[in-house]
């Protein structure tokens, strides 16, 4: 007798007011497999899995686990049915240790020490069995992002999950951490765990999944065995049209130096050097990309250039105006002279989650007369302005009154990018331009960055995606240990060469 599928969804439907997020979706996921679910941001992938995990309740349809119909009223109910979910944004208490985070909810009574001892033994077993090594006594705040993700997976497995849902698991990981995650997922599969992977990265789909489900506008439009498809077909199924996976751009025509950094240094309050003697130039009409493993100074460099942190030493000259430790300036000063900034962390630094999209669309520019002609903001003008931006930058849904937190990650990114690029800056700083963004939005964002370059904007991109760096940049700088360790032309570089430089080895 054939074993029932681990998961079966039958005609599942879900709306949020006027937004029909999931439209009668039916699918099967076989036990002991890795299934990828792909689609553009807003296609319904996360909503569907949130229904499976009990975070949302379906308006219609049926869920079966192991062949048995179940009602998912809450995450607690999903956990009881052996389902665990690791969210894109981790749900850990940073001031707690790993062990303290893991024991939350499974304390085992008022004597906490007994629960802690039991969980410690179980963590050691799971670490050996699945390759999820992490120090149980380490404070979460001191862990790398990849280690924090392992803690999230351990937390799910400790609660007996045999079905594991991961929502955009590599959105905050370096390529090396992503490869380590793949090894863990394959090991879980070998032990009979069923994995559902929500991602927009087609390289990951091809590398680790057995089957792939494609969603578009709330519906399942295709299912494929991974071995029988390719990235081009999946991209076209996702967006419903031909997609250019390679950036089409003419050679750069660099002009005047718009940004110059000389012997830039930054030391934190513990005396640890974060930037050391950084020198770089950025010219009008070129895209310079900074590559490097996360934690090697790229974030701090972007923050100093944007005026979010004051340098300890050295100078930053933007459009002829010089900033240093004694006159560091601030983000408003940068905006006045023509610099715009799309930060690496859109949720913490790029927008205010409870704000409406219309409010997010003018953050930093709200004092302009067209938005506030008197003492109060002109809400009607701002709404019209935001709607025009949404149309131009393909932000979905085109609803200025919707809270920023209710947009998908990719549409949040396009909204922040739209805000900064709409002012046609002379210098544009972009941190991780396509982190957590789907294939259609990646194509759009890359095209807009190239258009900005061709208009004469000087564009500096920080990215951990090496394929993005190599295809987007006119020049590539590599950072290691807070220093710029080399510069290469994209035509002369490959992932192996850059990887050696990023690791601090001689290329």
Protein backbone atom coordinates (compact mmCIF):
# COMPACT_ATOMS: atom_id res chain seq x y z
CA UNK A 1 0.00 0.00 0.00
CA UNK A 2 1.36 3.42 -0.95
CA UNK A 3 2.19 5.65 2.01
CA UNK A 4 0.09 8.83 2.24
CA UNK A 5 1.79 12.15 1.52
CA UNK A 6 3.27 14.05 4.47
CA UNK A 7 1.23 17.12 3.49
CA UNK A 8 -1.85 17.42 1.32
CA UNK A 9 -3.65 20.71 0.72
CA UNK A 10 -7.04 20.66 -1.00
CA UNK A 11 -8.54 23.85 -2.50
CA UNK A 12 -7.10 26.10 0.22
CA UNK A 13 -8.27 29.70 -0.09
CA UNK A 14 -7.44 32.87 1.85
CA UNK A 15 -8.28 36.58 1.50
CA UNK A 16 -7.28 39.64 3.50
CA UNK A 17 -9.99 42.19 2.77
CA UNK A 18 -9.76 42.94 -0.95
CA UNK A 19 -6.49 41.03 -1.34
CA UNK A 20 -7.04 37.43 -2.51
CA UNK A 21 -3.73 35.99 -1.31
CA UNK A 22 -4.30 32.24 -1.90
CA UNK A 23 -6.69 31.03 -4.58
CA UNK A 24 -7.89 27.44 -4.25
CA UNK A 25 -4.44 25.87 -3.91
CA UNK A 26 -4.05 22.10 -3.96
CA UNK A 27 -0.72 20.31 -3.62
CA UNK A 28 0.97 17.19 -2.24
CA UNK A 29 4.33 16.90 -0.51
CA UNK A 30 5.72 13.40 -0.18
CA UNK A 31 7.31 12.30 3.08
CA UNK A 32 11.11 12.42 3.33
CA UNK A 33 11.57 14.89 0.46
CA UNK A 34 12.71 18.48 0.06
CA UNK A 35 10.10 20.50 -1.83
CA UNK A 36 10.72 24.06 -2.96
CA UNK A 37 7.96 26.64 -3.31
CA UNK A 38 8.92 29.56 -5.55
CA UNK A 39 7.16 32.62 -6.85
CA UNK A 40 7.38 36.37 -6.95
CA UNK A 41 7.03 38.36 -3.74
CA UNK A 42 3.31 38.48 -3.01
CA UNK A 43 2.59 35.24 -4.90
CA UNK A 44 1.12 33.64 -1.76
CA UNK A 45 4.00 31.31 -0.77
CA UNK A 46 4.43 32.49 2.81
CA UNK A 47 0.67 32.93 3.33
CA UNK A 48 0.09 29.32 2.28
CA UNK A 49 2.73 28.01 4.67
CA UNK A 50 1.46 30.26 7.47
CA UNK A 51 -1.92 28.60 6.99
CA UNK A 52 -0.27 25.19 7.25
CA UNK A 53 1.49 26.30 10.44
CA UNK A 54 -1.69 27.68 12.00
CA UNK A 55 -0.72 31.35 11.96
CA UNK A 56 -3.60 32.07 9.58
CA UNK A 57 -6.88 30.22 9.25
CA UNK A 58 -7.96 29.29 5.73
CA UNK A 59 -11.27 30.69 4.49
CA UNK A 60 -11.90 27.42 2.64
CA UNK A 61 -10.21 24.11 1.85
CA UNK A 62 -8.78 21.15 3.71
CA UNK A 63 -5.39 20.23 5.21
CA UNK A 64 -4.30 16.61 5.57
CA UNK A 65 -1.20 15.47 7.46
CA UNK A 66 -0.14 11.89 6.85
CA UNK A 67 -3.49 11.24 5.16
CA UNK A 68 -5.59 12.54 8.07
CA UNK A 69 -7.66 15.71 7.80
CA UNK A 70 -6.67 18.21 10.50
CA UNK A 71 -7.77 21.67 11.59
CA UNK A 72 -4.90 24.13 12.12
CA UNK A 73 -6.13 26.71 14.61
CA UNK A 74 -2.74 27.79 15.97
CA UNK A 75 1.00 27.09 15.81
CA UNK A 76 0.54 25.01 18.97
CA UNK A 77 -1.81 22.74 17.03
CA UNK A 78 0.63 22.55 14.11
CA UNK A 79 3.46 21.56 16.46
CA UNK A 80 1.21 18.86 17.92
CA UNK A 81 0.88 17.47 14.38
CA UNK A 82 4.67 17.42 13.94
CA UNK A 83 5.03 20.65 11.94
CA UNK A 84 7.69 23.23 12.69
CA UNK A 85 8.44 26.52 10.95
CA UNK A 86 11.61 28.63 10.82
CA UNK A 87 10.70 32.18 9.86
CA UNK A 88 12.74 34.57 7.74
CA UNK A 89 13.18 36.88 10.74
CA UNK A 90 14.32 34.83 13.70
CA UNK A 91 12.29 34.68 16.91
CA UNK A 92 15.05 34.41 19.50
CA UNK A 93 15.70 36.40 22.67
CA UNK A 94 19.17 37.80 22.07
CA UNK A 95 20.02 38.33 25.76
CA UNK A 96 19.31 34.65 26.54
CA UNK A 97 21.71 31.77 25.96
CA UNK A 98 21.06 29.15 23.30
CA UNK A 99 19.89 26.69 25.95
CA UNK A 100 17.56 29.23 27.54
CA UNK A 101 15.97 29.95 24.16
CA UNK A 102 15.55 26.27 23.41
CA UNK A 103 13.93 25.42 26.74
CA UNK A 104 11.22 28.10 26.40
CA UNK A 105 7.88 26.33 26.14
CA UNK A 106 9.29 22.90 27.09
CA UNK A 107 10.44 23.67 30.63
CA UNK A 108 8.90 20.47 32.02
CA UNK A 109 7.62 21.91 35.28
CA UNK A 110 8.57 24.43 37.92
CA UNK A 111 12.02 22.91 38.46
CA UNK A 112 13.74 24.58 35.53
CA UNK A 113 17.02 22.77 36.15
CA UNK A 114 15.47 19.43 35.20
CA UNK A 115 14.14 20.80 31.93
CA UNK A 116 17.47 22.48 31.16
CA UNK A 117 19.39 19.25 31.77
CA UNK A 118 17.01 17.24 29.60
CA UNK A 119 17.16 19.76 26.74
CA UNK A 120 20.97 19.93 26.94
CA UNK A 121 21.21 16.15 26.42
CA UNK A 122 18.72 16.27 23.55
CA UNK A 123 20.55 19.19 21.88
CA UNK A 124 23.80 17.23 21.96
CA UNK A 125 22.05 14.28 20.30
CA UNK A 126 20.45 16.43 17.59
CA UNK A 127 23.73 18.23 16.95
CA UNK A 128 25.50 14.91 16.34
CA UNK A 129 22.68 13.44 14.30
CA UNK A 130 21.96 16.40 12.00
CA UNK A 131 25.19 18.41 12.00
CA UNK A 132 23.66 21.29 13.95
CA UNK A 133 26.60 22.06 16.20
CA UNK A 134 26.15 25.15 18.38
CA UNK A 135 27.39 26.04 21.87
CA UNK A 136 24.35 25.73 24.18
CA UNK A 137 25.86 28.18 26.67
CA UNK A 138 26.62 30.92 24.13
CA UNK A 139 24.55 34.09 24.28
CA UNK A 140 22.41 34.43 21.14
CA UNK A 141 23.52 38.05 20.65
CA UNK A 142 27.07 36.78 20.14
CA UNK A 143 26.19 34.18 17.48
CA UNK A 144 26.53 34.62 13.73
CA UNK A 145 23.32 34.70 11.70
CA UNK A 146 24.01 31.16 10.46
CA UNK A 147 24.38 29.90 14.04
CA UNK A 148 21.15 31.64 15.06
CA UNK A 149 19.37 29.82 12.26
CA UNK A 150 20.70 26.50 13.56
CA UNK A 151 19.20 27.38 16.94
CA UNK A 152 15.83 27.97 15.26
CA UNK A 153 16.02 24.57 13.54
CA UNK A 154 17.04 22.89 16.81
CA UNK A 155 14.09 24.55 18.54
CA UNK A 156 11.71 23.03 16.00
CA UNK A 157 13.27 19.56 16.13
CA UNK A 158 13.21 19.56 19.95
CA UNK A 159 9.44 19.84 19.73
CA UNK A 160 9.25 16.67 17.64
CA UNK A 161 8.79 18.16 14.19
CA UNK A 162 8.90 15.72 11.28
CA UNK A 163 7.79 18.40 8.81
CA UNK A 164 10.04 21.45 8.63
CA UNK A 165 9.01 24.67 6.83
CA UNK A 166 11.73 27.24 6.12
CA UNK A 167 10.69 30.69 4.89
CA UNK A 168 13.46 32.36 2.83
CA UNK A 169 16.15 30.69 5.00
CA UNK A 170 19.12 32.14 3.15
CA UNK A 171 17.88 35.74 2.95
CA UNK A 172 20.27 36.75 5.75
CA UNK A 173 23.01 34.16 5.17
CA UNK A 174 26.35 34.39 3.41
CA UNK A 175 26.97 31.91 0.55
CA UNK A 176 29.13 29.82 2.87
CA UNK A 177 26.42 29.69 5.55
CA UNK A 178 23.87 28.78 2.88
CA UNK A 179 26.01 25.83 1.76
CA UNK A 180 26.22 24.62 5.37
CA UNK A 181 22.44 24.92 5.66
CA UNK A 182 22.03 22.74 2.55
CA UNK A 183 24.12 20.00 4.17
CA UNK A 184 21.85 20.11 7.23
CA UNK A 185 18.70 19.90 5.09
CA UNK A 186 20.03 16.92 3.15
CA UNK A 187 20.88 15.19 6.43
CA UNK A 188 17.38 15.85 7.73
CA UNK A 189 15.95 14.32 4.55
CA UNK A 190 18.12 11.22 5.04
CA UNK A 191 16.54 10.82 8.48
CA UNK A 192 13.02 10.98 7.05
CA UNK A 193 12.21 14.60 7.83
CA UNK A 194 10.04 16.34 5.22
CA UNK A 195 11.30 19.80 4.28
CA UNK A 196 9.39 22.62 2.57
CA UNK A 197 11.67 25.41 1.38
CA UNK A 198 10.20 28.80 0.46
CA UNK A 199 12.76 30.71 -1.57
CA UNK A 200 13.15 32.98 -4.57
CA UNK A 201 16.72 31.86 -5.27
CA UNK A 202 16.71 29.45 -8.18
CA UNK A 203 20.29 28.33 -7.51
CA UNK A 204 19.13 27.00 -4.16
CA UNK A 205 16.14 25.25 -5.71
CA UNK A 206 18.38 23.46 -8.20
CA UNK A 207 20.96 22.58 -5.53
CA UNK A 208 18.86 21.07 -2.77
CA UNK A 209 15.24 20.25 -3.72
CA UNK A 210 13.60 17.12 -5.13
CA UNK A 211 10.49 18.87 -6.44
CA UNK A 212 9.51 22.48 -7.02
CA UNK A 213 6.07 24.11 -6.90
CA UNK A 214 5.62 27.44 -8.70
CA UNK A 215 3.06 29.97 -7.45
CA UNK A 216 1.85 33.11 -9.20
CA UNK A 217 -0.82 35.54 -7.98
CA UNK A 218 -2.01 33.15 -5.27
CA UNK A 219 -2.26 30.05 -7.47
CA UNK A 220 -0.10 27.01 -8.19
CA UNK A 221 0.77 27.36 -11.87
CA UNK A 222 3.26 24.50 -12.23
CA UNK A 223 4.96 21.58 -10.47
CA UNK A 224 8.22 20.05 -11.65
CA UNK A 225 10.75 17.45 -10.65
CA UNK A 226 13.85 19.54 -10.04
CA UNK A 227 15.99 17.29 -12.21
CA UNK A 228 13.62 17.92 -15.14
CA UNK A 229 13.64 21.74 -15.14
CA UNK A 230 16.13 24.61 -15.20
CA UNK A 231 16.38 28.17 -13.81
CA UNK A 232 15.21 29.80 -17.05
CA UNK A 233 11.96 27.79 -17.18
CA UNK A 234 11.28 28.39 -13.48
CA UNK A 235 11.89 32.12 -13.83
CA UNK A 236 9.44 32.35 -16.72
CA UNK A 237 6.82 30.33 -14.83
CA UNK A 238 7.22 32.59 -11.79
CA UNK A 239 6.65 35.88 -13.57
CA UNK A 240 4.62 34.74 -16.58
CA UNK A 241 7.01 36.16 -19.17
CA UNK A 242 10.54 35.89 -20.48
CA UNK A 243 13.11 36.92 -17.87
CA UNK A 244 16.67 38.03 -18.51
CA UNK A 245 18.84 36.29 -15.92
CA UNK A 246 21.87 38.27 -17.10
CA UNK A 247 22.07 42.06 -16.85
CA UNK A 248 22.00 43.79 -20.22
CA UNK A 249 24.14 46.93 -19.98
CA UNK A 250 26.52 48.97 -22.05
CA UNK A 251 30.08 49.68 -20.89
CA UNK A 252 30.34 52.40 -18.25
CA UNK A 253 31.44 55.92 -19.12
CA UNK A 254 32.91 57.16 -15.81
CA UNK A 255 33.02 60.91 -15.21
CA UNK A 256 34.08 63.10 -12.32
CA UNK A 257 34.87 61.68 -8.87
CA UNK A 258 31.70 62.10 -6.78
CA UNK A 259 32.80 60.16 -3.68
CA UNK A 260 36.33 59.91 -2.32
CA UNK A 261 37.35 58.03 0.83
CA UNK A 262 40.86 58.52 2.20
CA UNK A 263 42.48 56.53 5.03
CA UNK A 264 39.10 55.96 6.63
CA UNK A 265 39.16 54.34 10.07
CA UNK A 266 36.49 53.31 12.56
CA UNK A 267 37.05 51.96 16.07
CA UNK A 268 34.13 50.81 18.24
CA UNK A 269 33.64 51.63 21.92
CA UNK A 270 35.58 48.50 22.92
CA UNK A 271 38.61 49.66 20.99
CA UNK A 272 38.10 47.10 18.20
CA UNK A 273 39.02 48.43 14.72
CA UNK A 274 36.14 47.92 12.29
CA UNK A 275 37.58 49.91 9.36
CA UNK A 276 41.30 50.35 8.71
CA UNK A 277 42.79 52.82 6.21
CA UNK A 278 40.05 52.39 3.63
CA UNK A 279 40.63 54.23 0.35
CA UNK A 280 38.21 54.28 -2.57
CA UNK A 281 36.89 56.48 -5.36
CA UNK A 282 33.48 56.42 -6.98
CA UNK A 283 32.84 58.28 -10.24
CA UNK A 284 29.72 59.54 -11.92
CA UNK A 285 28.34 57.02 -14.39
CA UNK A 286 29.76 53.84 -12.83
CA UNK A 287 28.68 51.07 -10.48
CA UNK A 288 31.28 49.95 -7.96
CA UNK A 289 30.43 46.84 -5.94
CA UNK A 290 32.02 45.92 -2.63
CA UNK A 291 32.22 42.15 -2.07
CA UNK A 292 33.10 40.33 1.12
CA UNK A 293 31.89 37.87 3.72
CA UNK A 294 29.50 39.56 6.15
CA UNK A 295 31.27 41.05 9.13
CA UNK A 296 34.36 42.33 7.34
CA UNK A 297 33.53 46.03 7.47
CA UNK A 298 31.12 46.48 4.57
CA UNK A 299 28.19 47.38 6.84
CA UNK A 300 30.27 49.89 8.81
CA UNK A 301 31.64 51.43 5.61
CA UNK A 302 28.11 52.02 4.34
CA UNK A 303 27.02 53.49 7.67
CA UNK A 304 29.93 55.97 7.74
CA UNK A 305 29.37 57.01 4.13
CA UNK A 306 25.65 57.53 4.80
CA UNK A 307 26.32 59.64 7.90
CA UNK A 308 24.89 57.10 10.35
CA UNK A 309 28.23 56.73 12.17
CA UNK A 310 31.10 59.14 12.62
CA UNK A 311 34.55 57.96 11.45
CA UNK A 312 37.40 57.72 13.93
CA UNK A 313 39.94 58.89 11.36
CA UNK A 314 40.27 59.77 7.69
CA UNK A 315 37.94 61.71 5.42
CA UNK A 316 34.87 61.20 3.24
CA UNK A 317 34.34 63.70 0.43
CA UNK A 318 30.93 63.67 -1.27
CA UNK A 319 30.15 66.02 -4.17
CA UNK A 320 32.97 68.29 -3.03
CA UNK A 321 32.03 68.44 0.66
CA UNK A 322 34.37 66.77 3.17
CA UNK A 323 33.35 65.00 6.39
CA UNK A 324 35.69 63.71 9.11
CA UNK A 325 35.78 62.82 12.82
CA UNK A 326 35.42 66.48 13.83
CA UNK A 327 32.71 67.29 11.28
CA UNK A 328 30.94 63.94 10.65
CA UNK A 329 27.63 65.37 9.44
CA UNK A 330 24.48 63.26 9.40
CA UNK A 331 22.12 61.63 6.87
CA UNK A 332 20.22 64.90 6.34
CA UNK A 333 23.47 66.64 5.38
CA UNK A 334 24.12 63.91 2.82
CA UNK A 335 20.66 64.23 1.31
CA UNK A 336 21.11 67.99 0.88
CA UNK A 337 24.19 67.51 -1.31
CA UNK A 338 22.68 64.74 -3.44
CA UNK A 339 23.40 61.42 -1.71
CA UNK A 340 20.69 58.78 -1.30
CA UNK A 341 20.95 55.59 0.75
CA UNK A 342 19.15 52.25 0.55
CA UNK A 343 20.23 50.52 3.80
CA UNK A 344 21.12 46.86 4.18
CA UNK A 345 18.37 46.24 6.75
CA UNK A 346 15.16 47.64 5.28
CA UNK A 347 13.07 46.70 8.32
CA UNK A 348 15.25 48.39 10.94
CA UNK A 349 16.70 51.26 8.95
CA UNK A 350 14.74 51.69 5.71
CA UNK A 351 11.16 52.01 6.89
CA UNK A 352 8.89 52.16 9.93
CA UNK A 353 6.81 48.97 9.86
CA UNK A 354 3.55 50.44 11.28
CA UNK A 355 3.68 53.44 8.92
CA UNK A 356 1.53 53.49 5.82
CA UNK A 357 3.33 53.00 2.50
CA UNK A 358 2.61 56.64 1.68
CA UNK A 359 4.46 57.71 4.83
CA UNK A 360 7.38 55.41 4.08
CA UNK A 361 7.58 56.86 0.56
CA UNK A 362 8.60 60.29 1.91
CA UNK A 363 10.72 59.39 4.97
CA UNK A 364 13.65 61.78 5.10
CA UNK A 365 12.03 64.04 2.52
CA UNK A 366 8.88 64.94 4.47
CA UNK A 367 9.92 68.60 4.88
CA UNK A 368 9.78 69.26 1.14
CA UNK A 369 7.19 71.94 0.34
CA UNK A 370 5.17 69.64 -1.95
CA UNK A 371 4.58 67.29 1.02
CA UNK A 372 4.20 69.86 3.82
CA UNK A 373 3.28 73.27 2.37
CA UNK A 374 2.34 74.56 5.84
CA UNK A 375 2.37 73.21 9.36
CA UNK A 376 0.76 69.91 8.38
CA UNK A 377 1.47 67.17 5.86
CA UNK A 378 -0.62 67.22 2.70
CA UNK A 379 -1.97 63.67 2.92
CA UNK A 380 -3.68 63.83 -0.47
CA UNK A 381 -0.50 64.96 -2.26
CA UNK A 382 1.55 62.31 -0.47
CA UNK A 383 -0.93 59.58 -1.42
CA UNK A 384 -0.85 60.64 -5.07
CA UNK A 385 2.95 60.79 -5.01
CA UNK A 386 3.20 57.32 -3.45
CA UNK A 387 0.76 55.85 -5.97
CA UNK A 388 2.87 57.24 -8.82
CA UNK A 389 6.03 55.74 -7.26
CA UNK A 390 4.31 52.38 -6.86
CA UNK A 391 3.34 52.43 -10.53
CA UNK A 392 6.82 53.39 -11.69
CA UNK A 393 8.66 50.90 -9.48
CA UNK A 394 6.07 48.10 -9.72
CA UNK A 395 5.30 47.97 -5.97
CA UNK A 396 2.45 45.55 -5.27
CA UNK A 397 -0.26 45.97 -4.14
CA UNK A 398 -0.59 49.61 -5.25
CA UNK A 399 -2.21 50.63 -1.98
CA UNK A 400 -0.64 53.73 -0.37
CA UNK A 401 -2.77 53.30 2.76
CA UNK A 402 -1.49 49.78 3.50
CA UNK A 403 0.94 49.44 6.41
CA UNK A 404 4.56 48.96 5.34
CA UNK A 405 4.74 45.73 7.37
CA UNK A 406 1.97 44.18 5.25
CA UNK A 407 4.00 44.26 2.03
CA UNK A 408 6.20 41.32 1.08
CA UNK A 409 9.95 41.76 1.59
CA UNK A 410 10.60 42.36 -2.09
CA UNK A 411 7.91 45.01 -2.35
CA UNK A 412 9.22 46.71 0.80
CA UNK A 413 12.63 46.81 -0.88
CA UNK A 414 11.20 48.31 -4.06
CA UNK A 415 9.35 50.94 -2.02
CA UNK A 416 12.55 52.02 -0.23
CA UNK A 417 14.49 51.98 -3.51
CA UNK A 418 11.75 54.04 -5.18
CA UNK A 419 11.88 56.65 -2.42
CA UNK A 420 15.64 57.11 -2.73
CA UNK A 421 15.95 56.93 -6.51
CA UNK A 422 12.98 59.19 -7.25
CA UNK A 423 15.08 62.21 -6.27
CA UNK A 424 17.68 61.37 -8.96
CA UNK A 425 20.65 61.51 -6.55
CA UNK A 426 24.20 62.24 -7.63
CA UNK A 427 25.51 59.44 -5.39
CA UNK A 428 23.51 56.32 -4.53
CA UNK A 429 24.55 53.88 -1.78
CA UNK A 430 22.76 50.52 -1.89
CA UNK A 431 23.22 47.80 0.72
CA UNK A 432 22.26 44.25 -0.30
CA UNK A 433 19.97 45.46 -3.12
CA UNK A 434 18.21 42.15 -3.70
CA UNK A 435 18.28 40.47 -0.27
CA UNK A 436 15.04 38.50 0.12
CA UNK A 437 13.82 39.60 -3.32
CA UNK A 438 12.27 37.40 -6.02
CA UNK A 439 13.63 36.86 -9.53
CA UNK A 440 11.30 39.34 -11.22
CA UNK A 441 12.09 42.07 -8.70
CA UNK A 442 15.83 41.32 -8.97
CA UNK A 443 15.66 41.91 -12.72
CA UNK A 444 13.76 45.16 -12.13
CA UNK A 445 16.11 46.47 -9.40
CA UNK A 446 19.22 45.69 -11.44
CA UNK A 447 17.74 47.46 -14.46
CA UNK A 448 16.94 50.55 -12.37
CA UNK A 449 20.47 50.67 -10.94
CA UNK A 450 21.95 50.49 -14.44
CA UNK A 451 19.58 53.23 -15.61
CA UNK A 452 20.70 55.42 -12.71
CA UNK A 453 24.32 54.80 -13.71
CA UNK A 454 23.57 55.70 -17.31
CA UNK A 455 21.98 58.98 -16.14
CA UNK A 456 25.31 59.86 -14.54
CA UNK A 457 24.67 58.71 -10.98
CA UNK A 458 27.62 57.28 -9.03
CA UNK A 459 26.40 53.97 -7.58
CA UNK A 460 28.07 52.03 -4.74
CA UNK A 461 26.65 48.57 -4.07
CA UNK A 462 27.39 46.34 -1.07
CA UNK A 463 26.45 42.71 -1.77
CA UNK A 464 27.26 39.20 -0.54
CA UNK A 465 25.83 37.71 -3.76
CA UNK A 466 28.89 37.09 -5.93
CA UNK A 467 26.91 36.50 -9.10
CA UNK A 468 25.20 39.85 -8.53
CA UNK A 469 28.56 41.56 -7.95
CA UNK A 470 30.11 40.10 -11.08
CA UNK A 471 27.20 40.90 -13.38
CA UNK A 472 26.22 44.34 -12.01
CA UNK A 473 29.53 46.05 -11.23
CA UNK A 474 31.87 48.01 -13.49
CA UNK A 475 34.57 47.66 -10.82
CA UNK A 476 34.75 45.28 -7.84
CA UNK A 477 36.38 46.03 -4.49
CA UNK A 478 36.94 43.22 -1.99
CA UNK A 479 36.95 43.78 1.77
CA UNK A 480 38.49 41.58 4.44
CA UNK A 481 39.15 42.44 8.07
CA UNK A 482 37.95 46.01 7.69
CA UNK A 483 40.31 46.74 4.79
CA UNK A 484 39.96 46.95 1.03
CA UNK A 485 42.28 44.11 0.02
CA UNK A 486 41.95 44.35 -3.74
CA UNK A 487 40.24 45.71 -6.80
CA UNK A 488 39.37 43.65 -9.86
CA UNK A 489 37.61 44.14 -13.16
CA UNK A 490 34.53 41.89 -13.44
CA UNK A 491 35.79 40.52 -16.76
CA UNK A 492 38.99 39.33 -15.05
CA UNK A 493 37.32 37.83 -11.96
CA UNK A 494 35.36 34.73 -11.07
CA UNK A 495 33.81 33.37 -7.88
CA UNK A 496 36.94 31.38 -7.03
CA UNK A 497 39.23 34.41 -7.35
CA UNK A 498 36.91 36.62 -5.32
CA UNK A 499 36.38 33.85 -2.77
CA UNK A 500 40.11 33.65 -2.09
CA UNK A 501 40.33 37.42 -1.66
CA UNK A 502 37.26 37.42 0.60
CA UNK A 503 38.94 34.81 2.79
CA UNK A 504 42.07 36.95 3.12
CA UNK A 505 44.17 34.68 0.90
CA UNK A 506 46.37 35.92 -1.95
CA UNK A 507 44.43 35.69 -5.20
